[in-house]
Structure formats: structure tokens, C-alpha cells
Amino acid sequence: METWFRKDISLIDSAESVGISPYYLSHIFKERTGQTFVEYLSQVRIEEAKRLCSDTTLSLKEISEQCGYLNITYFCKVFKRLTGKTIGEYRKMLKP
């Protein structure tokens, strides 16, 4: 997931690629990681977004797209939910 997070990854496609049912993949994924497939994918994407926030030349749209989110509004909601801060607040926090 850390390699392909920029792509449109789904539980169904992932299960299909390894030859198991989506239900079974969901079950073993949660059992081994403690998170759902979507929770884990969101966490990976937002960690990358946090890293990209330090590059002040990147726009919000560019960060969103580089993290696999095509909908900026949704990206901002997920970022706020997982970090407790808006992108702007997070970027201000990074400034020396």
C-alpha cells in the first residue's frame, strides 16, 4: 500500500489481485493491522501529505493529487480528522 497509495486503490481490486474475497481480505487486514483497509490507506496518504506540506511551493491541489485524493474537499476533511489541524494550520506549525 505504501507503494501504490497515489493510485485509486480499492479493497475489491486489492482482494482480486491476490485471489481472495474482499470480505476475507478485510478481515485479515483488520486482524493484522488493527485498522480497516480505508483507515490504513488514509493514514499512509496523510503521512505523505504531512511530509509534502513542508514544501511551500506545492499548492493544496498538488499535495492532494500526489497523495491519491482527486477531491480536495474530501482530502481536507480527512487531513483534519487525522491530524486535528487544517492544512494551513499544519503548514504554519512547520514554519520556524
N, C-alpha and C. Protein backbone atom coordinates (compact mmCIF):
# COMPACT_ATOMS: atom_id res chain seq x y z
N MET A 1 0.83 -1.19 0.00
CA MET A 1 0.00 0.00 0.00
C MET A 1 0.88 1.26 0.00
N GLU A 2 2.00 1.18 0.69
CA GLU A 2 2.90 2.33 0.75
C GLU A 2 3.45 2.68 -0.63
N THR A 3 3.47 1.72 -1.54
CA THR A 3 3.96 1.96 -2.89
C THR A 3 2.87 2.51 -3.81
N TRP A 4 1.66 2.05 -3.65
CA TRP A 4 0.58 2.37 -4.60
C TRP A 4 -0.45 3.34 -4.06
N PHE A 5 -0.21 3.98 -2.93
CA PHE A 5 -1.22 4.84 -2.30
C PHE A 5 -1.66 6.01 -3.18
N ARG A 6 -0.83 6.40 -4.14
CA ARG A 6 -1.18 7.52 -5.02
C ARG A 6 -2.24 7.13 -6.05
N LYS A 7 -2.41 5.85 -6.25
CA LYS A 7 -3.39 5.34 -7.22
C LYS A 7 -4.75 5.18 -6.54
N ASP A 8 -5.75 4.93 -7.37
CA ASP A 8 -7.09 4.68 -6.86
C ASP A 8 -7.15 3.22 -6.41
N ILE A 9 -6.87 2.99 -5.15
CA ILE A 9 -6.82 1.63 -4.59
C ILE A 9 -8.16 1.32 -3.93
N SER A 10 -8.68 0.15 -4.21
CA SER A 10 -9.90 -0.27 -3.53
C SER A 10 -9.68 -1.64 -2.89
N LEU A 11 -10.47 -1.91 -1.90
CA LEU A 11 -10.42 -3.21 -1.23
C LEU A 11 -10.74 -4.32 -2.23
N ILE A 12 -11.73 -4.09 -3.08
CA ILE A 12 -12.15 -5.10 -4.06
C ILE A 12 -11.02 -5.40 -5.03
N ASP A 13 -10.40 -4.36 -5.59
CA ASP A 13 -9.30 -4.57 -6.53
C ASP A 13 -8.11 -5.25 -5.87
N SER A 14 -7.82 -4.86 -4.64
CA SER A 14 -6.70 -5.46 -3.91
C SER A 14 -6.95 -6.93 -3.64
N ALA A 15 -8.16 -7.26 -3.22
CA ALA A 15 -8.52 -8.65 -2.96
C ALA A 15 -8.43 -9.47 -4.24
N GLU A 16 -8.93 -8.90 -5.31
CA GLU A 16 -8.90 -9.59 -6.60
C GLU A 16 -7.46 -9.86 -7.04
N SER A 17 -6.57 -8.90 -6.81
CA SER A 17 -5.19 -9.05 -7.26
C SER A 17 -4.44 -10.16 -6.51
N VAL A 18 -4.88 -10.49 -5.30
CA VAL A 18 -4.24 -11.57 -4.56
C VAL A 18 -5.09 -12.85 -4.53
N GLY A 19 -6.22 -12.81 -5.19
CA GLY A 19 -7.05 -14.01 -5.35
C GLY A 19 -7.85 -14.43 -4.14
N ILE A 20 -8.29 -13.45 -3.33
CA ILE A 20 -9.15 -13.78 -2.20
C ILE A 20 -10.37 -12.87 -2.22
N SER A 21 -11.35 -13.18 -1.40
CA SER A 21 -12.57 -12.36 -1.37
C SER A 21 -12.30 -11.05 -0.64
N PRO A 22 -13.01 -9.99 -1.01
CA PRO A 22 -12.87 -8.72 -0.29
C PRO A 22 -13.19 -8.86 1.20
N TYR A 23 -14.16 -9.67 1.53
CA TYR A 23 -14.53 -9.88 2.93
C TYR A 23 -13.35 -10.49 3.70
N TYR A 24 -12.74 -11.51 3.12
CA TYR A 24 -11.62 -12.17 3.79
C TYR A 24 -10.43 -11.22 3.92
N LEU A 25 -10.12 -10.47 2.86
CA LEU A 25 -9.02 -9.50 2.93
C LEU A 25 -9.30 -8.47 4.02
N SER A 26 -10.52 -7.99 4.07
CA SER A 26 -10.90 -7.01 5.09
C SER A 26 -10.68 -7.59 6.48
N HIS A 27 -11.08 -8.81 6.66
CA HIS A 27 -10.97 -9.48 7.96
C HIS A 27 -9.50 -9.65 8.37
N ILE A 28 -8.68 -10.18 7.48
CA ILE A 28 -7.28 -10.41 7.87
C ILE A 28 -6.51 -9.09 7.97
N PHE A 29 -6.89 -8.11 7.17
CA PHE A 29 -6.24 -6.80 7.24
C PHE A 29 -6.47 -6.17 8.61
N LYS A 30 -7.71 -6.18 9.05
CA LYS A 30 -8.07 -5.61 10.36
C LYS A 30 -7.41 -6.40 11.49
N GLU A 31 -7.37 -7.70 11.35
CA GLU A 31 -6.77 -8.56 12.37
C GLU A 31 -5.26 -8.27 12.52
N ARG A 32 -4.59 -8.05 11.41
CA ARG A 32 -3.13 -7.87 11.45
C ARG A 32 -2.67 -6.44 11.70
N THR A 33 -3.48 -5.46 11.28
CA THR A 33 -3.05 -4.07 11.42
C THR A 33 -3.80 -3.32 12.51
N GLY A 34 -4.96 -3.83 12.88
CA GLY A 34 -5.79 -3.13 13.86
C GLY A 34 -6.59 -2.01 13.24
N GLN A 35 -6.49 -1.87 11.92
CA GLN A 35 -7.22 -0.82 11.20
C GLN A 35 -7.94 -1.44 10.01
N THR A 36 -8.97 -0.73 9.57
CA THR A 36 -9.62 -1.17 8.34
C THR A 36 -8.72 -0.80 7.17
N PHE A 37 -9.03 -1.35 6.03
CA PHE A 37 -8.29 -1.06 4.79
C PHE A 37 -8.28 0.44 4.52
N VAL A 38 -9.44 1.07 4.61
CA VAL A 38 -9.57 2.50 4.33
C VAL A 38 -8.84 3.35 5.38
N GLU A 39 -8.94 2.97 6.64
CA GLU A 39 -8.24 3.70 7.69
C GLU A 39 -6.73 3.68 7.45
N TYR A 40 -6.22 2.52 7.11
CA TYR A 40 -4.78 2.37 6.88
C TYR A 40 -4.35 3.18 5.66
N LEU A 41 -5.10 3.07 4.57
CA LEU A 41 -4.78 3.81 3.36
C LEU A 41 -4.81 5.31 3.63
N SER A 42 -5.80 5.77 4.36
CA SER A 42 -5.90 7.20 4.70
C SER A 42 -4.69 7.63 5.52
N GLN A 43 -4.29 6.81 6.47
CA GLN A 43 -3.14 7.14 7.30
C GLN A 43 -1.87 7.26 6.46
N VAL A 44 -1.66 6.33 5.54
CA VAL A 44 -0.48 6.39 4.67
C VAL A 44 -0.51 7.66 3.83
N ARG A 45 -1.67 7.96 3.27
CA ARG A 45 -1.80 9.15 2.42
C ARG A 45 -1.58 10.45 3.20
N ILE A 46 -2.12 10.53 4.40
CA ILE A 46 -1.98 11.75 5.18
C ILE A 46 -0.55 11.91 5.70
N GLU A 47 0.13 10.82 5.99
CA GLU A 47 1.55 10.93 6.37
C GLU A 47 2.36 11.53 5.22
N GLU A 48 2.05 11.13 4.01
CA GLU A 48 2.72 11.72 2.85
C GLU A 48 2.34 13.19 2.70
N ALA A 49 1.09 13.51 2.93
CA ALA A 49 0.64 14.90 2.84
C ALA A 49 1.38 15.76 3.87
N LYS A 50 1.56 15.25 5.06
CA LYS A 50 2.28 15.99 6.09
C LYS A 50 3.72 16.25 5.64
N ARG A 51 4.32 15.26 5.03
CA ARG A 51 5.69 15.42 4.52
C ARG A 51 5.73 16.48 3.41
N LEU A 52 4.75 16.44 2.52
CA LEU A 52 4.70 17.39 1.41
C LEU A 52 4.38 18.81 1.85
N CYS A 53 3.74 18.96 2.98
CA CYS A 53 3.38 20.29 3.48
C CYS A 53 4.60 21.17 3.75
N SER A 54 5.73 20.56 3.98
CA SER A 54 6.94 21.34 4.24
C SER A 54 7.45 22.03 2.98
N ASP A 55 7.02 21.57 1.81
CA ASP A 55 7.39 22.21 0.55
C ASP A 55 6.36 23.30 0.26
N THR A 56 6.73 24.53 0.55
CA THR A 56 5.77 25.63 0.42
C THR A 56 5.47 26.01 -1.02
N THR A 57 6.19 25.42 -1.98
CA THR A 57 5.90 25.72 -3.38
C THR A 57 4.73 24.89 -3.90
N LEU A 58 4.37 23.84 -3.18
CA LEU A 58 3.26 22.98 -3.62
C LEU A 58 1.92 23.57 -3.19
N SER A 59 0.99 23.57 -4.12
CA SER A 59 -0.36 24.04 -3.79
C SER A 59 -1.13 22.91 -3.09
N LEU A 60 -2.24 23.27 -2.51
CA LEU A 60 -3.11 22.30 -1.85
C LEU A 60 -3.56 21.24 -2.86
N LYS A 61 -3.89 21.67 -4.06
CA LYS A 61 -4.32 20.75 -5.11
C LYS A 61 -3.20 19.76 -5.46
N GLU A 62 -1.98 20.26 -5.57
CA GLU A 62 -0.85 19.38 -5.91
C GLU A 62 -0.60 18.36 -4.80
N ILE A 63 -0.67 18.80 -3.56
CA ILE A 63 -0.48 17.88 -2.43
C ILE A 63 -1.58 16.82 -2.44
N SER A 64 -2.80 17.27 -2.61
CA SER A 64 -3.94 16.37 -2.63
C SER A 64 -3.77 15.29 -3.70
N GLU A 65 -3.43 15.72 -4.90
CA GLU A 65 -3.29 14.78 -6.01
C GLU A 65 -2.11 13.83 -5.81
N GLN A 66 -1.01 14.34 -5.27
CA GLN A 66 0.17 13.49 -5.04
C GLN A 66 -0.07 12.45 -3.95
N CYS A 67 -1.10 12.68 -3.17
CA CYS A 67 -1.43 11.73 -2.09
C CYS A 67 -2.58 10.80 -2.47
N GLY A 68 -3.05 10.91 -3.70
CA GLY A 68 -4.10 10.00 -4.16
C GLY A 68 -5.52 10.50 -3.99
N TYR A 69 -5.68 11.77 -3.63
CA TYR A 69 -7.02 12.34 -3.47
C TYR A 69 -7.31 13.28 -4.64
N LEU A 70 -8.33 12.98 -5.41
CA LEU A 70 -8.71 13.85 -6.52
C LEU A 70 -9.71 14.91 -6.07
N ASN A 71 -10.39 14.66 -4.97
CA ASN A 71 -11.36 15.61 -4.43
C ASN A 71 -10.70 16.37 -3.28
N ILE A 72 -10.39 17.64 -3.50
CA ILE A 72 -9.67 18.44 -2.50
C ILE A 72 -10.48 18.59 -1.21
N THR A 73 -11.77 18.76 -1.33
CA THR A 73 -12.62 18.92 -0.15
C THR A 73 -12.54 17.68 0.74
N TYR A 74 -12.64 16.52 0.12
CA TYR A 74 -12.54 15.27 0.87
C TYR A 74 -11.16 15.13 1.50
N PHE A 75 -10.13 15.46 0.75
CA PHE A 75 -8.76 15.42 1.26
C PHE A 75 -8.63 16.29 2.51
N CYS A 76 -9.16 17.50 2.45
CA CYS A 76 -9.07 18.42 3.59
C CYS A 76 -9.80 17.86 4.81
N LYS A 77 -10.95 17.22 4.60
CA LYS A 77 -11.70 16.63 5.71
C LYS A 77 -10.92 15.48 6.35
N VAL A 78 -10.33 14.63 5.52
CA VAL A 78 -9.57 13.51 6.04
C VAL A 78 -8.33 14.02 6.78
N PHE A 79 -7.65 15.00 6.21
CA PHE A 79 -6.46 15.58 6.85
C PHE A 79 -6.81 16.13 8.23
N LYS A 80 -7.88 16.89 8.31
CA LYS A 80 -8.30 17.48 9.59
C LYS A 80 -8.69 16.40 10.60
N ARG A 81 -9.40 15.39 10.13
CA ARG A 81 -9.84 14.32 11.03
C ARG A 81 -8.64 13.56 11.61
N LEU A 82 -7.62 13.31 10.79
CA LEU A 82 -6.48 12.52 11.26
C LEU A 82 -5.41 13.32 11.97
N THR A 83 -5.30 14.60 11.68
CA THR A 83 -4.24 15.40 12.32
C THR A 83 -4.78 16.37 13.36
N GLY A 84 -6.07 16.67 13.29
CA GLY A 84 -6.65 17.64 14.21
C GLY A 84 -6.40 19.07 13.77
N LYS A 85 -5.79 19.25 12.60
CA LYS A 85 -5.48 20.58 12.09
C LYS A 85 -5.85 20.69 10.61
N THR A 86 -6.12 21.91 10.17
CA THR A 86 -6.29 22.12 8.74
C THR A 86 -4.91 22.12 8.11
N ILE A 87 -4.86 22.06 6.80
CA ILE A 87 -3.56 22.10 6.10
C ILE A 87 -2.85 23.41 6.42
N GLY A 88 -3.59 24.51 6.41
CA GLY A 88 -3.00 25.82 6.70
C GLY A 88 -2.41 25.86 8.10
N GLU A 89 -3.14 25.35 9.07
CA GLU A 89 -2.64 25.31 10.45
C GLU A 89 -1.39 24.43 10.55
N TYR A 90 -1.42 23.32 9.85
CA TYR A 90 -0.28 22.40 9.89
C TYR A 90 0.95 23.06 9.27
N ARG A 91 0.75 23.74 8.15
CA ARG A 91 1.89 24.42 7.50
C ARG A 91 2.46 25.53 8.36
N LYS A 92 1.59 26.27 9.04
CA LYS A 92 2.06 27.33 9.95
C LYS A 92 2.88 26.74 11.09
N MET A 93 2.45 25.59 11.57
CA MET A 93 3.16 24.92 12.64
C MET A 93 4.57 24.51 12.21
N LEU A 94 4.76 24.24 10.94
CA LEU A 94 6.06 23.80 10.42
C LEU A 94 7.06 24.96 10.25
N LYS A 95 6.53 26.17 10.16
CA LYS A 95 7.43 27.32 9.95
C LYS A 95 8.26 27.57 11.20
N PRO A 96 9.56 27.88 10.98
CA PRO A 96 10.44 28.12 12.14
C PRO A 96 10.11 29.39 12.88
